[in-house]
Every structure is written in structure tokens, then in C-alpha cells.
C-alpha atoms as a PDB file:
ATOM      1  CA  MET A   1       4.770   5.313  17.141  1.00  0.00           C
ATOM      2  CA  ALA A   2       1.443   3.831  18.134  1.00  0.00           C
ATOM      3  CA  ILE A   3       0.682   0.255  17.164  1.00  0.00           C
ATOM      4  CA  SER A   4      -2.872  -0.870  16.822  1.00  0.00           C
ATOM      5  CA  LYS A   5      -4.853  -3.882  15.691  1.00  0.00           C
ATOM      6  CA  LEU A   6      -8.302  -3.655  14.209  1.00  0.00           C
ATOM      7  CA  PHE A   7      -9.487  -6.699  12.317  1.00  0.00           C
ATOM      8  CA  PRO A   8      -9.730  -6.911   9.294  1.00  0.00           C
ATOM      9  CA  TYR A   9      -6.708  -4.667   8.950  1.00  0.00           C
ATOM     10  CA  TYR A  10      -3.682  -3.797  11.020  1.00  0.00           C
ATOM     11  CA  PHE A  11      -1.927  -0.461  11.187  1.00  0.00           C
ATOM     12  CA  TYR A  12       1.132   1.288  12.526  1.00  0.00           C
ATOM     13  CA  LYS A  13       0.534   4.974  13.168  1.00  0.00           C
ATOM     14  CA  ASN A  14       3.401   7.313  12.281  1.00  0.00           C
ATOM     15  CA  LEU A  15       5.901   4.622  11.336  1.00  0.00           C
ATOM     16  CA  PHE A  16       7.867   7.447   9.671  1.00  0.00           C
ATOM     17  CA  SER A  17       8.096  11.128  10.601  1.00  0.00           C
ATOM     18  CA  LYS A  18       7.643  13.801   7.912  1.00  0.00           C
ATOM     19  CA  GLU A  19      11.429  14.278   7.870  1.00  0.00           C
ATOM     20  CA  GLU A  20      11.907  10.524   7.295  1.00  0.00           C
ATOM     21  CA  ILE A  21       9.212  10.565   4.572  1.00  0.00           C
ATOM     22  CA  ASN A  22      11.017  13.405   2.815  1.00  0.00           C
ATOM     23  CA  LYS A  23      14.340  11.522   2.859  1.00  0.00           C
ATOM     24  CA  PHE A  24      12.632   8.289   1.726  1.00  0.00           C
ATOM     25  CA  THR A  25      10.851   9.953  -1.211  1.00  0.00           C
ATOM     26  CA  ASP A  26      14.135  11.558  -2.299  1.00  0.00           C
ATOM     27  CA  LYS A  27      15.650   8.059  -2.418  1.00  0.00           C
ATOM     28  CA  ILE A  28      12.582   6.657  -4.213  1.00  0.00           C
ATOM     29  CA  LYS A  29      13.043   9.149  -7.055  1.00  0.00           C
ATOM     30  CA  THR A  30      16.493   7.672  -7.761  1.00  0.00           C
ATOM     31  CA  LYS A  31      15.226   4.064  -7.815  1.00  0.00           C
ATOM     32  CA  VAL A  32      12.481   4.262 -10.477  1.00  0.00           C
ATOM     33  CA  MET A  33      12.371   1.267 -12.806  1.00  0.00           C
ATOM     34  CA  GLU A  34      11.513   3.081 -16.046  1.00  0.00           C
ATOM     35  CA  GLU A  35      10.805  -0.110 -18.016  1.00  0.00           C
ATOM     36  CA  ALA A  36       8.265  -1.447 -15.497  1.00  0.00           C
ATOM     37  CA  LYS A  37       4.568  -0.794 -16.093  1.00  0.00           C
ATOM     38  CA  ASP A  38       1.630  -0.706 -13.705  1.00  0.00           C
ATOM     39  CA  ILE A  39      -1.069  -3.266 -14.470  1.00  0.00           C
ATOM     40  CA  PRO A  40      -4.221  -2.140 -12.656  1.00  0.00           C
ATOM     41  CA  SER A  41      -7.158  -4.435 -12.053  1.00  0.00           C
ATOM     42  CA  ASP A  42      -9.106  -5.049 -15.276  1.00  0.00           C
ATOM     43  CA  SER A  43     -12.432  -3.795 -13.979  1.00  0.00           C
ATOM     44  CA  ALA A  44     -11.170  -0.815 -11.966  1.00  0.00           C
ATOM     45  CA  LYS A  45     -10.675   2.834 -12.837  1.00  0.00           C
ATOM     46  CA  LYS A  46      -7.209   4.047 -11.865  1.00  0.00           C
ATOM     47  CA  THR A  47      -6.099   7.624 -12.461  1.00  0.00           C
ATOM     48  CA  ALA A  48      -2.844   7.825 -10.569  1.00  0.00           C
ATOM     49  CA  SER A  49       0.759   8.277 -11.533  1.00  0.00           C
ATOM     50  CA  VAL A  50       2.470   4.985 -10.672  1.00  0.00           C
ATOM     51  CA  LYS A  51       6.201   4.333 -10.598  1.00  0.00           C
ATOM     52  CA  ALA A  52       7.694   0.897  -9.978  1.00  0.00           C
ATOM     53  CA  ILE A  53      10.527   1.228  -7.476  1.00  0.00           C
ATOM     54  CA  ASP A  54      13.548  -0.987  -6.913  1.00  0.00           C
ATOM     55  CA  GLY A  55      13.716  -0.937  -3.124  1.00  0.00           C
ATOM     56  CA  ARG A  56      16.892  -2.973  -2.794  1.00  0.00           C
ATOM     57  CA  GLY A  57      19.277  -1.464  -0.273  1.00  0.00           C
ATOM     58  CA  LEU A  58      16.769   1.016   1.152  1.00  0.00           C
ATOM     59  CA  PRO A  59      16.627   0.759   4.957  1.00  0.00           C
ATOM     60  CA  GLU A  60      13.120   2.254   4.901  1.00  0.00           C
ATOM     61  CA  VAL A  61      11.895  -0.716   2.859  1.00  0.00           C
ATOM     62  CA  ALA A  62      13.500  -3.133   5.326  1.00  0.00           C
ATOM     63  CA  LYS A  63      11.718  -1.319   8.178  1.00  0.00           C
ATOM     64  CA  ILE A  64       8.368  -1.488   6.359  1.00  0.00           C
ATOM     65  CA  MET A  65       8.798  -5.202   5.606  1.00  0.00           C
ATOM     66  CA  THR A  66       9.714  -5.950   9.226  1.00  0.00           C
ATOM     67  CA  HIS A  67       6.474  -4.312  10.334  1.00  0.00           C
ATOM     68  CA  ILE A  68       4.427  -6.148   7.688  1.00  0.00           C
ATOM     69  CA  PHE A  69       5.788  -9.512   8.823  1.00  0.00           C
ATOM     70  CA  ASN A  70       5.174  -8.549  12.450  1.00  0.00           C
ATOM     71  CA  ALA A  71       1.554  -7.627  11.643  1.00  0.00           C
ATOM     72  CA  ASN A  72       1.147 -10.967   9.897  1.00  0.00           C
ATOM     73  CA  THR A  73       2.368 -12.788  13.010  1.00  0.00           C
ATOM     74  CA  LEU A  74       0.124 -10.788  15.321  1.00  0.00           C
ATOM     75  CA  ASN A  75      -3.050 -10.551  13.247  1.00  0.00           C
ATOM     76  CA  PHE A  76      -3.238 -12.643  10.076  1.00  0.00           C
ATOM     77  CA  GLY A  77      -1.178 -15.822  10.490  1.00  0.00           C
ATOM     78  CA  TYR A  78      -0.518 -16.416   6.794  1.00  0.00           C
ATOM     79  CA  HIS A  79       2.344 -18.543   5.526  1.00  0.00           C
ATOM     80  CA  LEU A  80       4.484 -15.958   3.740  1.00  0.00           C
ATOM     81  CA  TYR A  81       7.584 -16.393   1.671  1.00  0.00           C
ATOM     82  CA  ALA A  82      10.774 -15.037   3.244  1.00  0.00           C
ATOM     83  CA  TYR A  83      11.758 -11.390   2.919  1.00  0.00           C
ATOM     84  CA  GLN A  84      10.014  -9.645   0.056  1.00  0.00           C
ATOM     85  CA  GLY A  85       9.154  -6.064  -0.787  1.00  0.00           C
ATOM     86  CA  ILE A  86      12.188  -5.427  -2.895  1.00  0.00           C
ATOM     87  CA  PHE A  87       9.958  -3.915  -5.580  1.00  0.00           C
ATOM     88  CA  PHE A  88       7.002  -1.687  -4.770  1.00  0.00           C
ATOM     89  CA  HIS A  89       4.814   1.022  -6.290  1.00  0.00           C
ATOM     90  CA  TYR A  90       5.040   4.732  -5.572  1.00  0.00           C
ATOM     91  CA  ASN A  91       1.589   6.177  -6.310  1.00  0.00           C
ATOM     92  CA  ILE A  92       0.617   9.819  -6.737  1.00  0.00           C
ATOM     93  CA  TYR A  93      -3.097  10.626  -6.740  1.00  0.00           C
ATOM     94  CA  ASP A  94      -3.498  14.274  -7.764  1.00  0.00           C
ATOM     95  CA  GLU A  95      -6.384  16.741  -7.795  1.00  0.00           C
ATOM     96  CA  ALA A  96      -5.637  17.652 -11.453  1.00  0.00           C
ATOM     97  CA  THR A  97      -6.662  14.166 -12.570  1.00  0.00           C
ATOM     98  CA  GLN A  98      -9.088  13.496  -9.703  1.00  0.00           C
ATOM     99  CA  GLY A  99      -6.704  10.645  -8.866  1.00  0.00           C
ATOM    100  CA  GLU A 100      -8.531   7.531  -7.732  1.00  0.00           C
ATOM    101  CA  TYR A 101      -8.516   3.735  -7.840  1.00  0.00           C
ATOM    102  CA  SER A 102     -12.014   2.276  -7.836  1.00  0.00           C
ATOM    103  CA  TRP A 103     -13.027  -0.960  -6.079  1.00  0.00           C
ATOM    104  CA  HIS A 104     -10.626  -3.823  -6.798  1.00  0.00           C
ATOM    105  CA  VAL A 105      -8.672  -6.681  -5.248  1.00  0.00           C
ATOM    106  CA  ASP A 106      -4.951  -7.345  -5.592  1.00  0.00           C
ATOM    107  CA  GLY A 107      -3.277 -10.484  -6.795  1.00  0.00           C
ATOM    108  CA  ASP A 108      -2.988 -12.710  -9.817  1.00  0.00           C
ATOM    109  CA  ALA A 109      -5.516 -15.548  -9.964  1.00  0.00           C
ATOM    110  CA  THR A 110      -3.595 -17.158 -12.843  1.00  0.00           C
ATOM    111  CA  ASN A 111      -0.442 -17.807 -10.785  1.00  0.00           C
ATOM    112  CA  LEU A 112      -0.510 -21.502  -9.928  1.00  0.00           C
ATOM    113  CA  VAL A 113       2.414 -21.387  -7.489  1.00  0.00           C
ATOM    114  CA  SER A 114       1.808 -18.437  -5.187  1.00  0.00           C
ATOM    115  CA  THR A 115      -0.637 -15.727  -4.360  1.00  0.00           C
ATOM    116  CA  SER A 116      -0.541 -12.264  -2.915  1.00  0.00           C
ATOM    117  CA  LYS A 117      -1.480 -12.623   0.741  1.00  0.00           C
ATOM    118  CA  LEU A 118      -1.097  -9.102   2.163  1.00  0.00           C
ATOM    119  CA  THR A 119      -1.314  -5.649   0.644  1.00  0.00           C
ATOM    120  CA  SER A 120       0.362  -2.848   2.599  1.00  0.00           C
ATOM    121  CA  ILE A 121       0.088   0.867   1.971  1.00  0.00           C
ATOM    122  CA  ILE A 122       2.122   3.606   3.597  1.00  0.00           C
ATOM    123  CA  ASN A 123       1.119   7.265   3.413  1.00  0.00           C
ATOM    124  CA  LEU A 124       4.064   9.230   2.016  1.00  0.00           C
ATOM    125  CA  SER A 125       2.194  12.532   1.649  1.00  0.00           C
ATOM    126  CA  LEU A 126       3.954  15.534   3.128  1.00  0.00           C
ATOM    127  CA  ASN A 127       1.006  17.922   2.850  1.00  0.00           C
ATOM    128  CA  PRO A 128      -2.687  17.573   3.668  1.00  0.00           C
ATOM    129  CA  TYR A 129      -5.054  16.619   0.842  1.00  0.00           C
ATOM    130  CA  GLU A 130      -8.801  16.292   0.455  1.00  0.00           C
ATOM    131  CA  GLY A 131     -10.561  13.218  -0.867  1.00  0.00           C
ATOM    132  CA  GLY A 132      -8.276  10.265  -1.499  1.00  0.00           C
ATOM    133  CA  ASP A 133      -9.998   8.347   1.272  1.00  0.00           C
ATOM    134  CA  PHE A 134      -9.195   4.666   1.589  1.00  0.00           C
ATOM    135  CA  PHE A 135     -11.946   2.091   2.086  1.00  0.00           C
ATOM    136  CA  ILE A 136     -11.984  -1.671   2.412  1.00  0.00           C
ATOM    137  CA  ASN A 137     -15.036  -3.875   1.980  1.00  0.00           C
ATOM    138  CA  PRO A 138     -14.351  -7.129   3.786  1.00  0.00           C
ATOM    139  CA  PHE A 139     -17.935  -8.019   4.739  1.00  0.00           C
ATOM    140  CA  GLY A 140     -20.106  -6.506   1.993  1.00  0.00           C
ATOM    141  CA  LYS A 141     -20.184  -3.026   3.536  1.00  0.00           C
ATOM    142  CA  PRO A 142     -17.585  -0.303   2.825  1.00  0.00           C
ATOM    143  CA  MET A 143     -15.414   0.477   5.841  1.00  0.00           C
ATOM    144  CA  PRO A 144     -13.253   3.620   6.031  1.00  0.00           C
ATOM    145  CA  VAL A 145      -9.611   3.271   7.035  1.00  0.00           C
ATOM    146  CA  PRO A 146      -8.947   6.718   8.527  1.00  0.00           C
ATOM    147  CA  GLU A 147      -5.507   5.764   9.869  1.00  0.00           C
ATOM    148  CA  LEU A 148      -4.084   5.949   6.330  1.00  0.00           C
ATOM    149  CA  LYS A 149      -4.673   9.732   6.263  1.00  0.00           C
ATOM    150  CA  ASP A 150      -1.833  10.184   8.767  1.00  0.00           C
ATOM    151  CA  PRO A 151       1.548  10.778   7.070  1.00  0.00           C
ATOM    152  CA  GLY A 152       3.965   7.937   7.746  1.00  0.00           C
ATOM    153  CA  SER A 153       1.241   5.485   8.773  1.00  0.00           C
ATOM    154  CA  LEU A 154       1.196   1.931   7.391  1.00  0.00           C
ATOM    155  CA  VAL A 155      -1.968  -0.125   6.826  1.00  0.00           C
ATOM    156  CA  ILE A 156      -1.866  -3.894   6.173  1.00  0.00           C
ATOM    157  CA  PHE A 157      -4.811  -6.007   4.977  1.00  0.00           C
ATOM    158  CA  PRO A 158      -5.476  -9.254   3.078  1.00  0.00           C
ATOM    159  CA  SER A 159      -4.918  -8.744  -0.659  1.00  0.00           C
ATOM    160  CA  TYR A 160      -8.194 -10.464  -1.530  1.00  0.00           C
ATOM    161  CA  THR A 161     -10.136  -7.740   0.330  1.00  0.00           C
ATOM    162  CA  LEU A 162     -12.060  -5.389  -1.931  1.00  0.00           C
ATOM    163  CA  HIS A 163     -10.632  -1.865  -1.523  1.00  0.00           C
ATOM    164  CA  GLN A 164     -10.633   1.574  -3.131  1.00  0.00           C
ATOM    165  CA  VAL A 165      -9.160   5.088  -3.089  1.00  0.00           C
ATOM    166  CA  THR A 166     -11.759   7.841  -3.635  1.00  0.00           C
ATOM    167  CA  PRO A 167     -10.930  10.757  -5.959  1.00  0.00           C
ATOM    168  CA  VAL A 168      -8.492  13.348  -4.639  1.00  0.00           C
ATOM    169  CA  THR A 169     -10.255  16.719  -4.816  1.00  0.00           C
ATOM    170  CA  LYS A 170      -7.544  18.983  -3.408  1.00  0.00           C
ATOM    171  CA  GLY A 171      -3.805  18.510  -3.190  1.00  0.00           C
ATOM    172  CA  SER A 172      -1.862  15.339  -3.803  1.00  0.00           C
ATOM    173  CA  ARG A 173      -1.848  11.923  -2.088  1.00  0.00           C
ATOM    174  CA  ALA A 174       1.410   9.923  -2.199  1.00  0.00           C
ATOM    175  CA  THR A 175       1.673   6.286  -1.103  1.00  0.00           C
ATOM    176  CA  GLY A 176       3.940   3.290  -1.294  1.00  0.00           C
ATOM    177  CA  ALA A 177       2.207  -0.028  -2.036  1.00  0.00           C
ATOM    178  CA  PHE A 178       3.772  -3.370  -1.079  1.00  0.00           C
ATOM    179  CA  TRP A 179       2.581  -6.944  -1.634  1.00  0.00           C
ATOM    180  CA  THR A 180       3.712 -10.026   0.254  1.00  0.00           C
ATOM    181  CA  GLU A 181       3.179 -13.458  -1.226  1.00  0.00           C
ATOM    182  CA  GLY A 182       2.954 -16.985   0.011  1.00  0.00           C
ATOM    183  CA  PRO A 183       1.809 -20.397  -1.173  1.00  0.00           C
ATOM    184  CA  ARG A 184      -1.622 -20.449  -2.766  1.00  0.00           C
ATOM    185  CA  PHE A 185      -4.595 -20.799  -0.464  1.00  0.00           C
ATOM    186  CA  ILE A 186      -5.981 -24.323  -0.609  1.00  0.00           C
END
């Protein structure tokens, strides 16, 4: 597993092998929270199948969270609340719906106590796909994040960073999305 830092995001290449991804996605399918609903950004177009997942007891989630907190220590330095990531989203962007999520930021500006500090996305796709490229826009110019194309790779970035997923044109793109929170920025 290669570890790399590239401000304004941090990534871990091949955090999971394809075999580990397959086992993890099998577990994910048994942990769907049917009553939970995705609430996409108001101004964004999102055409993905999204399932809220109860990640309690999954060692893969613990591994992901350990790496997120490590990336925060090494690259971001935010004050984060203790262990999180119990609940996350499993997203499927499919060619049939031209799955995409247009430019948006994560977080809830109305929460007076805490704020989302880091967004983390892991590629859980087992097969290659076309389109579905991930971009961030931290400085007013779109920046591709090619590392997220690699199955099992994890990308971490500040939640307030504008980001998007372009339409999937062939195949299917599967990801897990995690958010870590901390006290509001002052």
C-alpha cells in the first residue's frame, strides 16, 4: 500500500485489495439502514443509488477511520471528535442513469455545535468504468483526483472543498463516503 500526500487532499493507494473489497461489499449489503435517506446538496444534481450503512462492528470501517485520522494528523491538523464513521454512504454511479454528483460541498451550515471537517471516499469498484471522474476545486480551478480511480484507494479532503463526480458513461462506479466532524470553525 502506497501512502502519499498531495495538498489539498491526502490519499492511500490500494488500502484494500479487490478480494478485500469484495468481502467488504458483501458485508455492506447486510448493513443497509432502509429507513435512512440521502439528502444531497440543494443545488447539486445527483443521480446515484445511495444506501446508508450501519458500519458498527465492521473491521474495514475501523481500518478506514484509522487512516482518516492518520491523514488528519499528517496533513490537515483539524480538531476532530473521537472515533466516528459508524454510519456511511455506499454509492453506486451507473451508466444506465449517467450517474453523477455535480459540484457541491459537504456539511450542514445550520449545525451550531459541530461541522463536517473531512470527507473521505474509498473506491469500492471491482471492475473498470468510464467517466465517474472525481474533481475538487479548492482554489477556483478544477483539479482531477486520479488516485480515486484505483480500486481500494482512499481519498481524504476538507469537506468545505467544492467537489464533483462526472457522469459514468460505461460500467458502474461504487464508493463508500465517510464524514468526520469536529467543533465548528471559528
